[in-house]
């Protein structure tokens, strides 16, 4: 697998739950249990799935520190046309 890439985490409650640290897992399960079925539940799950994906790549704390400090940022193209030129 190329550097900086990680395998996609299955979008299941079990996969997300297993991927989170114990203290995050409890918060995730509590949030799921309190969310109303529909858009609210979908939003809770999406948020925690992304959290688990971010945690899956080693060095998250260091990456966050560098981002907040504005170091090693990549400029994203303003438009798709710019990306293709």
N, C-alpha and C. Protein backbone atom coordinates (compact mmCIF):
# COMPACT_ATOMS: atom_id res chain seq x y z
N UNK A 1 0.86 -1.19 0.00
CA UNK A 1 0.00 0.00 0.00
C UNK A 1 0.89 1.24 0.00
N UNK A 2 0.58 2.24 -0.84
CA UNK A 2 1.40 3.45 -0.90
C UNK A 2 1.44 4.19 0.44
N UNK A 3 2.53 4.92 0.66
CA UNK A 3 2.67 5.70 1.88
C UNK A 3 1.55 6.73 1.93
N UNK A 4 0.98 6.93 3.12
CA UNK A 4 -0.09 7.90 3.29
C UNK A 4 -1.47 7.38 2.95
N UNK A 5 -1.56 6.14 2.54
CA UNK A 5 -2.84 5.55 2.19
C UNK A 5 -3.21 4.52 3.24
N UNK A 6 -4.50 4.37 3.48
CA UNK A 6 -4.95 3.33 4.38
C UNK A 6 -6.15 2.65 3.75
N UNK A 7 -6.38 1.42 4.15
CA UNK A 7 -7.52 0.69 3.62
C UNK A 7 -8.79 1.33 4.15
N UNK A 8 -9.80 1.34 3.31
CA UNK A 8 -11.08 1.91 3.73
C UNK A 8 -11.67 1.07 4.85
N UNK A 9 -12.21 1.74 5.82
CA UNK A 9 -12.85 1.08 6.95
C UNK A 9 -14.29 0.77 6.54
N UNK A 10 -14.72 -0.48 6.70
CA UNK A 10 -16.12 -0.78 6.35
C UNK A 10 -17.07 0.13 7.12
N UNK A 11 -18.12 0.54 6.48
CA UNK A 11 -19.09 1.46 7.09
C UNK A 11 -20.13 0.66 7.87
N UNK A 12 -19.64 0.00 8.91
CA UNK A 12 -20.52 -0.76 9.78
C UNK A 12 -20.28 -0.30 11.22
N UNK A 13 -21.30 -0.45 12.06
CA UNK A 13 -21.16 -0.08 13.46
C UNK A 13 -20.06 -0.91 14.11
N UNK A 14 -20.02 -2.20 13.82
CA UNK A 14 -18.99 -3.06 14.41
C UNK A 14 -17.59 -2.63 14.02
N UNK A 15 -17.37 -2.32 12.73
CA UNK A 15 -16.03 -1.93 12.27
C UNK A 15 -15.60 -0.62 12.90
N UNK A 16 -16.50 0.35 12.96
CA UNK A 16 -16.16 1.64 13.57
C UNK A 16 -15.89 1.43 15.05
N UNK A 17 -16.74 0.70 15.73
CA UNK A 17 -16.58 0.46 17.17
C UNK A 17 -15.23 -0.19 17.48
N UNK A 18 -14.85 -1.19 16.70
CA UNK A 18 -13.56 -1.89 16.91
C UNK A 18 -12.37 -0.98 16.65
N UNK A 19 -12.54 0.01 15.79
CA UNK A 19 -11.43 0.87 15.39
C UNK A 19 -11.18 2.03 16.34
N UNK A 20 -12.12 2.30 17.23
CA UNK A 20 -11.98 3.43 18.15
C UNK A 20 -11.35 3.00 19.46
N UNK A 21 -10.63 3.92 20.09
CA UNK A 21 -10.10 3.70 21.43
C UNK A 21 -11.28 3.52 22.39
N UNK A 22 -11.09 2.79 23.49
CA UNK A 22 -12.20 2.51 24.41
C UNK A 22 -13.00 3.74 24.83
N UNK A 23 -12.31 4.85 25.16
CA UNK A 23 -13.05 6.04 25.60
C UNK A 23 -13.87 6.65 24.47
N UNK A 24 -13.38 6.56 23.24
CA UNK A 24 -14.15 7.05 22.09
C UNK A 24 -15.28 6.08 21.76
N UNK A 25 -15.03 4.80 21.90
CA UNK A 25 -16.03 3.78 21.60
C UNK A 25 -17.29 4.00 22.44
N UNK A 26 -17.11 4.27 23.72
CA UNK A 26 -18.26 4.50 24.61
C UNK A 26 -19.07 5.71 24.15
N UNK A 27 -18.37 6.77 23.76
CA UNK A 27 -19.05 7.99 23.31
C UNK A 27 -19.78 7.72 21.99
N UNK A 28 -19.15 6.99 21.09
CA UNK A 28 -19.75 6.62 19.81
C UNK A 28 -21.04 5.83 20.03
N UNK A 29 -20.98 4.80 20.84
CA UNK A 29 -22.16 3.96 21.07
C UNK A 29 -23.28 4.73 21.77
N UNK A 30 -22.90 5.61 22.69
CA UNK A 30 -23.91 6.44 23.37
C UNK A 30 -24.58 7.38 22.36
N UNK A 31 -23.78 8.00 21.49
CA UNK A 31 -24.33 8.92 20.48
C UNK A 31 -25.26 8.18 19.53
N UNK A 32 -24.87 6.98 19.11
CA UNK A 32 -25.74 6.18 18.24
C UNK A 32 -27.05 5.86 18.94
N UNK A 33 -26.97 5.48 20.20
CA UNK A 33 -28.15 5.10 20.96
C UNK A 33 -29.12 6.24 21.20
N UNK A 34 -28.63 7.48 21.16
CA UNK A 34 -29.48 8.64 21.43
C UNK A 34 -29.99 9.30 20.16
N UNK A 35 -29.43 8.94 19.00
CA UNK A 35 -29.82 9.58 17.74
C UNK A 35 -31.13 9.00 17.23
N UNK A 36 -31.93 9.88 16.65
CA UNK A 36 -33.20 9.48 16.04
C UNK A 36 -32.92 8.91 14.66
N UNK A 37 -33.62 7.82 14.31
CA UNK A 37 -33.43 7.20 13.01
C UNK A 37 -33.68 8.21 11.90
N UNK A 38 -32.84 8.19 10.88
CA UNK A 38 -32.96 9.11 9.75
C UNK A 38 -31.71 9.97 9.64
N UNK A 39 -31.85 11.21 9.20
CA UNK A 39 -30.69 12.07 8.98
C UNK A 39 -29.82 12.26 10.23
N UNK A 40 -30.44 12.34 11.40
CA UNK A 40 -29.65 12.53 12.62
C UNK A 40 -28.75 11.33 12.88
N UNK A 41 -29.29 10.13 12.76
CA UNK A 41 -28.50 8.92 12.97
C UNK A 41 -27.42 8.80 11.90
N UNK A 42 -27.77 9.12 10.66
CA UNK A 42 -26.78 9.08 9.57
C UNK A 42 -25.62 10.04 9.84
N UNK A 43 -25.93 11.23 10.33
CA UNK A 43 -24.89 12.22 10.62
C UNK A 43 -23.98 11.75 11.75
N UNK A 44 -24.56 11.17 12.79
CA UNK A 44 -23.74 10.65 13.90
C UNK A 44 -22.82 9.55 13.38
N UNK A 45 -23.36 8.64 12.60
CA UNK A 45 -22.53 7.54 12.10
C UNK A 45 -21.44 8.07 11.17
N UNK A 46 -21.78 8.98 10.27
CA UNK A 46 -20.78 9.54 9.35
C UNK A 46 -19.63 10.20 10.11
N UNK A 47 -19.97 10.97 11.13
CA UNK A 47 -18.95 11.66 11.93
C UNK A 47 -18.00 10.66 12.57
N UNK A 48 -18.54 9.62 13.17
CA UNK A 48 -17.70 8.65 13.87
C UNK A 48 -16.95 7.73 12.91
N UNK A 49 -17.50 7.47 11.73
CA UNK A 49 -16.77 6.68 10.73
C UNK A 49 -15.53 7.46 10.29
N UNK A 50 -15.70 8.77 10.07
CA UNK A 50 -14.53 9.60 9.70
C UNK A 50 -13.52 9.65 10.84
N UNK A 51 -13.99 9.76 12.07
CA UNK A 51 -13.10 9.77 13.24
C UNK A 51 -12.27 8.49 13.27
N UNK A 52 -12.92 7.36 13.03
CA UNK A 52 -12.20 6.08 13.03
C UNK A 52 -11.20 6.01 11.87
N UNK A 53 -11.57 6.56 10.71
CA UNK A 53 -10.65 6.57 9.57
C UNK A 53 -9.43 7.44 9.88
N UNK A 54 -9.63 8.61 10.49
CA UNK A 54 -8.51 9.47 10.84
C UNK A 54 -7.59 8.78 11.85
N UNK A 55 -8.18 8.08 12.80
CA UNK A 55 -7.38 7.37 13.81
C UNK A 55 -6.61 6.20 13.22
N UNK A 56 -7.07 5.68 12.08
CA UNK A 56 -6.44 4.50 11.48
C UNK A 56 -5.04 4.79 10.93
N UNK A 57 -4.76 6.05 10.63
CA UNK A 57 -3.45 6.42 10.09
C UNK A 57 -2.58 6.90 11.25
N UNK A 58 -1.47 6.22 11.49
CA UNK A 58 -0.59 6.61 12.61
C UNK A 58 -0.13 8.06 12.51
N UNK A 59 0.05 8.70 13.66
CA UNK A 59 0.57 10.06 13.71
C UNK A 59 -0.49 11.14 13.64
N UNK A 60 -1.72 10.80 13.99
CA UNK A 60 -2.80 11.78 13.87
C UNK A 60 -2.53 13.04 14.70
N UNK A 61 -2.12 12.88 15.93
CA UNK A 61 -1.89 14.04 16.81
C UNK A 61 -0.85 14.98 16.19
N UNK A 62 0.21 14.42 15.65
CA UNK A 62 1.26 15.24 15.02
C UNK A 62 0.72 15.94 13.78
N UNK A 63 -0.08 15.24 12.97
CA UNK A 63 -0.67 15.87 11.78
C UNK A 63 -1.59 17.02 12.17
N UNK A 64 -2.39 16.83 13.21
CA UNK A 64 -3.29 17.90 13.65
C UNK A 64 -2.51 19.11 14.14
N UNK A 65 -1.45 18.88 14.90
CA UNK A 65 -0.62 19.99 15.39
C UNK A 65 -0.03 20.78 14.23
N UNK A 66 0.48 20.07 13.23
CA UNK A 66 1.09 20.74 12.08
C UNK A 66 0.04 21.51 11.28
N UNK A 67 -1.16 20.97 11.16
CA UNK A 67 -2.23 21.65 10.44
C UNK A 67 -2.64 22.93 11.15
N UNK A 68 -2.84 22.84 12.46
CA UNK A 68 -3.22 24.02 13.24
C UNK A 68 -2.14 25.09 13.16
N UNK A 69 -0.88 24.66 13.12
CA UNK A 69 0.23 25.61 13.03
C UNK A 69 0.44 26.12 11.60
N UNK A 70 -0.28 25.55 10.64
CA UNK A 70 -0.16 26.00 9.25
C UNK A 70 1.08 25.49 8.56
N UNK A 71 1.64 24.38 9.04
CA UNK A 71 2.85 23.81 8.44
C UNK A 71 2.50 22.62 7.55
N UNK A 72 3.26 22.48 6.48
CA UNK A 72 3.15 21.33 5.56
C UNK A 72 1.76 21.19 4.96
N UNK A 73 1.10 22.31 4.69
CA UNK A 73 -0.22 22.27 4.08
C UNK A 73 -0.08 22.13 2.57
N UNK A 74 -1.03 21.48 1.94
CA UNK A 74 -1.04 21.35 0.49
C UNK A 74 -2.11 22.27 -0.07
N UNK A 75 -1.76 22.96 -1.14
CA UNK A 75 -2.74 23.83 -1.80
C UNK A 75 -3.62 22.95 -2.69
N UNK A 76 -4.92 23.07 -2.51
CA UNK A 76 -5.86 22.34 -3.34
C UNK A 76 -6.23 23.20 -4.53
N UNK A 77 -6.49 22.57 -5.67
CA UNK A 77 -6.88 23.35 -6.85
C UNK A 77 -8.20 24.09 -6.58
N UNK A 78 -8.32 25.29 -7.15
CA UNK A 78 -9.54 26.08 -6.98
C UNK A 78 -10.70 25.50 -7.78
N UNK A 79 -10.38 24.89 -8.93
CA UNK A 79 -11.42 24.30 -9.78
C UNK A 79 -10.91 23.00 -10.36
N UNK A 80 -11.81 22.23 -10.91
CA UNK A 80 -11.40 20.99 -11.58
C UNK A 80 -10.56 21.30 -12.80
N UNK A 81 -10.84 22.42 -13.49
CA UNK A 81 -10.07 22.79 -14.67
C UNK A 81 -8.62 23.04 -14.31
N UNK A 82 -8.40 23.72 -13.18
CA UNK A 82 -7.03 24.00 -12.74
C UNK A 82 -6.30 22.70 -12.46
N UNK A 83 -7.01 21.73 -11.89
CA UNK A 83 -6.41 20.44 -11.56
C UNK A 83 -5.98 19.70 -12.81
N UNK A 84 -6.75 19.84 -13.89
CA UNK A 84 -6.48 19.11 -15.12
C UNK A 84 -5.43 19.79 -15.99
N UNK A 85 -5.09 21.06 -15.74
CA UNK A 85 -4.10 21.72 -16.59
C UNK A 85 -2.69 21.38 -16.21
